[in-house]
C-alpha cells in the first residue's frame, strides 16, 4: 500500500528540507503541501482554526516553491499540492 502525507509548513517552523527527508526515510510514498492564498481581511473567529490559523496562512510560502525545495532534498518522494489555485 502506498501512503502519503499532507502537512502545513508555514515560513516560521521546522526546516522543510528536514521534514521532507524524514517523511521519505519513514517510508511514505508522497508528500503534499496545501495552499491558502486567499486570507480574509478580518481575522475574527470565522474559521474553526481561529486567528492563529489565519496568521500562519499569511506567513506561508508559495506551494510550488516549497515543492521545489522538497524535490531537491529527496530522492524518490512523490510530491504534489493539496490544492493549487491558479489565478
Protein backbone atom coordinates (compact mmCIF):
# COMPACT_ATOMS: atom_id res chain seq x y z
CA UNK A 1 0.00 0.00 0.00
CA UNK A 2 1.24 3.47 -0.84
CA UNK A 3 0.62 6.06 1.86
CA UNK A 4 1.29 9.77 1.55
CA UNK A 5 1.28 12.67 3.93
CA UNK A 6 -0.02 16.23 3.76
CA UNK A 7 1.46 18.86 6.02
CA UNK A 8 1.10 22.58 6.57
CA UNK A 9 4.55 24.12 6.56
CA UNK A 10 4.45 27.85 7.30
CA UNK A 11 7.50 30.04 6.80
CA UNK A 12 8.10 30.05 10.54
CA UNK A 13 8.66 26.50 11.64
CA UNK A 14 10.75 23.41 11.09
CA UNK A 15 13.01 23.33 8.03
CA UNK A 16 11.01 21.87 5.13
CA UNK A 17 14.09 20.07 3.79
CA UNK A 18 14.40 18.20 7.08
CA UNK A 19 10.69 17.35 7.08
CA UNK A 20 10.88 16.00 3.51
CA UNK A 21 13.89 13.81 4.31
CA UNK A 22 12.21 12.46 7.44
CA UNK A 23 8.96 11.69 5.58
CA UNK A 24 10.95 9.81 2.92
CA UNK A 25 13.10 7.98 5.48
CA UNK A 26 9.99 6.70 7.24
CA UNK A 27 8.72 5.04 4.07
CA UNK A 28 5.98 7.41 2.99
CA UNK A 29 5.36 7.42 -0.76
CA UNK A 30 4.38 11.06 -1.20
CA UNK A 31 4.20 14.49 0.38
CA UNK A 32 1.50 17.03 -0.38
CA UNK A 33 1.53 20.67 0.60
CA UNK A 34 -1.72 22.66 0.81
CA UNK A 35 -2.14 26.19 -0.38
CA UNK A 36 -4.05 29.05 1.21
CA UNK A 37 -3.66 32.12 -0.96
CA UNK A 38 -6.90 33.83 -0.03
CA UNK A 39 -6.95 35.02 3.56
CA UNK A 40 -9.92 37.03 4.88
CA UNK A 41 -9.29 40.66 5.76
CA UNK A 42 -10.84 40.24 9.20
CA UNK A 43 -9.21 37.62 11.36
CA UNK A 44 -12.06 37.03 13.73
CA UNK A 45 -13.49 33.64 14.67
CA UNK A 46 -14.66 32.90 11.11
CA UNK A 47 -12.59 29.77 10.73
CA UNK A 48 -12.57 26.74 13.00
CA UNK A 49 -8.79 27.22 13.41
CA UNK A 50 -9.28 30.76 14.65
CA UNK A 51 -6.93 33.70 14.31
CA UNK A 52 -3.84 31.54 14.83
CA UNK A 53 -4.56 29.58 11.68
CA UNK A 54 -5.12 32.74 9.65
CA UNK A 55 -1.86 34.19 10.98
CA UNK A 56 0.01 31.06 9.81
CA UNK A 57 -1.63 31.31 6.38
CA UNK A 58 -0.37 34.87 5.99
CA UNK A 59 3.20 33.69 6.59
CA UNK A 60 3.27 30.82 4.12
CA UNK A 61 5.37 30.36 1.02
CA UNK A 62 4.02 29.51 -2.41
CA UNK A 63 3.30 25.77 -2.74
CA UNK A 64 5.29 25.32 -5.94
CA UNK A 65 8.37 26.94 -4.44
CA UNK A 66 8.08 24.76 -1.35
CA UNK A 67 7.67 21.65 -3.52
CA UNK A 68 10.82 22.60 -5.44
CA UNK A 69 12.66 22.64 -2.10
CA UNK A 70 11.25 19.19 -1.30
CA UNK A 71 12.23 17.85 -4.75
CA UNK A 72 15.84 18.93 -4.32
CA UNK A 73 16.01 17.45 -0.82
CA UNK A 74 14.72 13.93 -1.53
CA UNK A 75 15.39 11.13 -3.99
CA UNK A 76 12.13 9.24 -4.57
CA UNK A 77 9.38 11.09 -2.72
CA UNK A 78 6.41 11.90 -4.95
CA UNK A 79 5.17 15.45 -4.43
CA UNK A 80 2.02 17.40 -5.10
CA UNK A 81 -0.26 20.16 -3.91
CA UNK A 82 -3.28 19.54 -1.74
CA UNK A 83 -4.90 22.47 -3.54
CA UNK A 84 -3.47 24.66 -6.29
CA UNK A 85 -5.36 27.85 -7.09
CA UNK A 86 -4.31 29.20 -10.45
CA UNK A 87 -5.33 32.84 -10.97
